[in-house]
Amino acid sequence: MLTKSAKKALRQSKRKHDHNLILKNNIRLNRRAIEKKVEANDKKELPTLLSKLYKSIDKAAKQNILHPNKASRLKSRFAKFTK
């Protein structure tokens, strides 16, 4: 038996979990797209892909889904590909 507030907390937790997964999957998809372009040596679309990745990382860090240091580390690692 769950109390009324426990049921509500469970609903909120599930909703937040789903939202967090969407943001993490977005980061993962952008990372894979960049890695494929780097492997194929196709650097024409890298700046736009990097900006999409940065946007998704920053959004996740702002909402405390990623630690700010991890966000900085990821951005710096992928910035190397533009050089």
C-alpha atoms as a PDB file:
ATOM      1  CA  MET A   1       0.000   0.000   0.000  1.00  0.00           C
ATOM      2  CA  LEU A   2       1.393   3.321  -1.067  1.00  0.00           C
ATOM      3  CA  THR A   3       0.274   6.616   0.301  1.00  0.00           C
ATOM      4  CA  LYS A   4      -1.184   9.210  -2.006  1.00  0.00           C
ATOM      5  CA  SER A   5       2.001  11.266  -1.922  1.00  0.00           C
ATOM      6  CA  ALA A   6       4.164   8.191  -2.592  1.00  0.00           C
ATOM      7  CA  LYS A   7       2.094   7.391  -5.679  1.00  0.00           C
ATOM      8  CA  LYS A   8       2.510  10.926  -6.934  1.00  0.00           C
ATOM      9  CA  ALA A   9       6.254  10.822  -6.260  1.00  0.00           C
ATOM     10  CA  LEU A  10       6.489   7.572  -8.225  1.00  0.00           C
ATOM     11  CA  ARG A  11       4.648   9.129 -11.183  1.00  0.00           C
ATOM     12  CA  GLN A  12       6.939  12.146 -11.115  1.00  0.00           C
ATOM     13  CA  SER A  13      10.014   9.971 -10.862  1.00  0.00           C
ATOM     14  CA  LYS A  14       8.993   7.905 -13.899  1.00  0.00           C
ATOM     15  CA  ARG A  15       8.246  11.040 -15.915  1.00  0.00           C
ATOM     16  CA  LYS A  16      11.610  12.590 -15.044  1.00  0.00           C
ATOM     17  CA  HIS A  17      13.409   9.319 -15.783  1.00  0.00           C
ATOM     18  CA  ASP A  18      11.867   9.163 -19.258  1.00  0.00           C
ATOM     19  CA  HIS A  19      12.769  12.782 -19.942  1.00  0.00           C
ATOM     20  CA  ASN A  20      16.355  12.233 -18.791  1.00  0.00           C
ATOM     21  CA  LEU A  21      16.672   9.189 -21.045  1.00  0.00           C
ATOM     22  CA  ILE A  22      15.524  11.221 -24.035  1.00  0.00           C
ATOM     23  CA  LEU A  23      18.224  13.821 -23.412  1.00  0.00           C
ATOM     24  CA  LYS A  24      20.928  11.189 -22.849  1.00  0.00           C
ATOM     25  CA  ASN A  25      19.924   9.348 -26.025  1.00  0.00           C
ATOM     26  CA  ASN A  26      20.085  12.622 -27.934  1.00  0.00           C
ATOM     27  CA  ILE A  27      23.677  13.102 -26.778  1.00  0.00           C
ATOM     28  CA  ARG A  28      24.501   9.511 -27.710  1.00  0.00           C
ATOM     29  CA  LEU A  29      23.031   9.893 -31.210  1.00  0.00           C
ATOM     30  CA  ASN A  30      24.956  13.114 -31.837  1.00  0.00           C
ATOM     31  CA  ARG A  31      28.185  11.516 -30.608  1.00  0.00           C
ATOM     32  CA  ARG A  32      27.743   8.540 -32.932  1.00  0.00           C
ATOM     33  CA  ALA A  33      27.029  10.805 -35.906  1.00  0.00           C
ATOM     34  CA  ILE A  34      30.261  12.718 -35.277  1.00  0.00           C
ATOM     35  CA  GLU A  35      32.270   9.530 -34.814  1.00  0.00           C
ATOM     36  CA  LYS A  36      30.953   8.152 -38.122  1.00  0.00           C
ATOM     37  CA  LYS A  37      31.895  11.340 -39.957  1.00  0.00           C
ATOM     38  CA  VAL A  38      35.378  11.291 -38.454  1.00  0.00           C
ATOM     39  CA  GLU A  39      35.879   7.640 -39.421  1.00  0.00           C
ATOM     40  CA  ALA A  40      34.697   8.378 -42.967  1.00  0.00           C
ATOM     41  CA  ASN A  41      37.013  11.424 -43.058  1.00  0.00           C
ATOM     42  CA  ASP A  42      34.070  13.644 -44.024  1.00  0.00           C
ATOM     43  CA  LYS A  43      34.689  16.928 -42.245  1.00  0.00           C
ATOM     44  CA  LYS A  44      32.212  19.102 -44.145  1.00  0.00           C
ATOM     45  CA  GLU A  45      29.307  18.567 -41.759  1.00  0.00           C
ATOM     46  CA  LEU A  46      31.352  18.406 -38.545  1.00  0.00           C
ATOM     47  CA  PRO A  47      30.751  22.019 -37.430  1.00  0.00           C
ATOM     48  CA  THR A  48      26.974  21.630 -37.581  1.00  0.00           C
ATOM     49  CA  LEU A  49      27.093  18.238 -35.880  1.00  0.00           C
ATOM     50  CA  LEU A  50      29.368  19.627 -33.172  1.00  0.00           C
ATOM     51  CA  SER A  51      27.009  22.505 -32.505  1.00  0.00           C
ATOM     52  CA  LYS A  52      24.116  20.029 -32.136  1.00  0.00           C
ATOM     53  CA  LEU A  53      26.204  17.949 -29.738  1.00  0.00           C
ATOM     54  CA  TYR A  54      27.208  21.018 -27.716  1.00  0.00           C
ATOM     55  CA  LYS A  55      23.581  22.109 -27.500  1.00  0.00           C
ATOM     56  CA  SER A  56      22.418  18.722 -26.221  1.00  0.00           C
ATOM     57  CA  ILE A  57      25.319  18.491 -23.729  1.00  0.00           C
ATOM     58  CA  ASP A  58      24.681  21.993 -22.415  1.00  0.00           C
ATOM     59  CA  LYS A  59      20.972  21.302 -22.053  1.00  0.00           C
ATOM     60  CA  ALA A  60      21.648  18.115 -20.080  1.00  0.00           C
ATOM     61  CA  ALA A  61      24.202  19.870 -17.854  1.00  0.00           C
ATOM     62  CA  LYS A  62      21.815  22.747 -17.210  1.00  0.00           C
ATOM     63  CA  GLN A  63      19.127  20.317 -16.048  1.00  0.00           C
ATOM     64  CA  ASN A  64      21.590  18.419 -13.808  1.00  0.00           C
ATOM     65  CA  ILE A  65      21.444  15.271 -15.912  1.00  0.00           C
ATOM     66  CA  LEU A  66      25.178  15.507 -16.551  1.00  0.00           C
ATOM     67  CA  HIS A  67      27.736  16.847 -14.116  1.00  0.00           C
ATOM     68  CA  PRO A  68      29.154  20.162 -15.357  1.00  0.00           C
ATOM     69  CA  ASN A  69      32.681  18.754 -15.384  1.00  0.00           C
ATOM     70  CA  LYS A  70      31.604  15.784 -17.488  1.00  0.00           C
ATOM     71  CA  ALA A  71      29.887  18.134 -19.909  1.00  0.00           C
ATOM     72  CA  SER A  72      33.073  20.192 -20.242  1.00  0.00           C
ATOM     73  CA  ARG A  73      35.150  17.063 -20.704  1.00  0.00           C
ATOM     74  CA  LEU A  74      32.899  15.728 -23.460  1.00  0.00           C
ATOM     75  CA  LYS A  75      32.870  19.052 -25.285  1.00  0.00           C
ATOM     76  CA  SER A  76      36.640  19.351 -25.124  1.00  0.00           C
ATOM     77  CA  ARG A  77      37.182  15.796 -26.391  1.00  0.00           C
ATOM     78  CA  PHE A  78      34.950  16.354 -29.392  1.00  0.00           C
ATOM     79  CA  ALA A  79      36.429  19.781 -30.100  1.00  0.00           C
ATOM     80  CA  LYS A  80      39.660  17.989 -31.013  1.00  0.00           C
ATOM     81  CA  PHE A  81      37.985  16.564 -34.113  1.00  0.00           C
ATOM     82  CA  THR A  82      37.680  19.974 -35.737  1.00  0.00           C
ATOM     83  CA  LYS A  83      41.415  20.505 -35.741  1.00  0.00           C
END
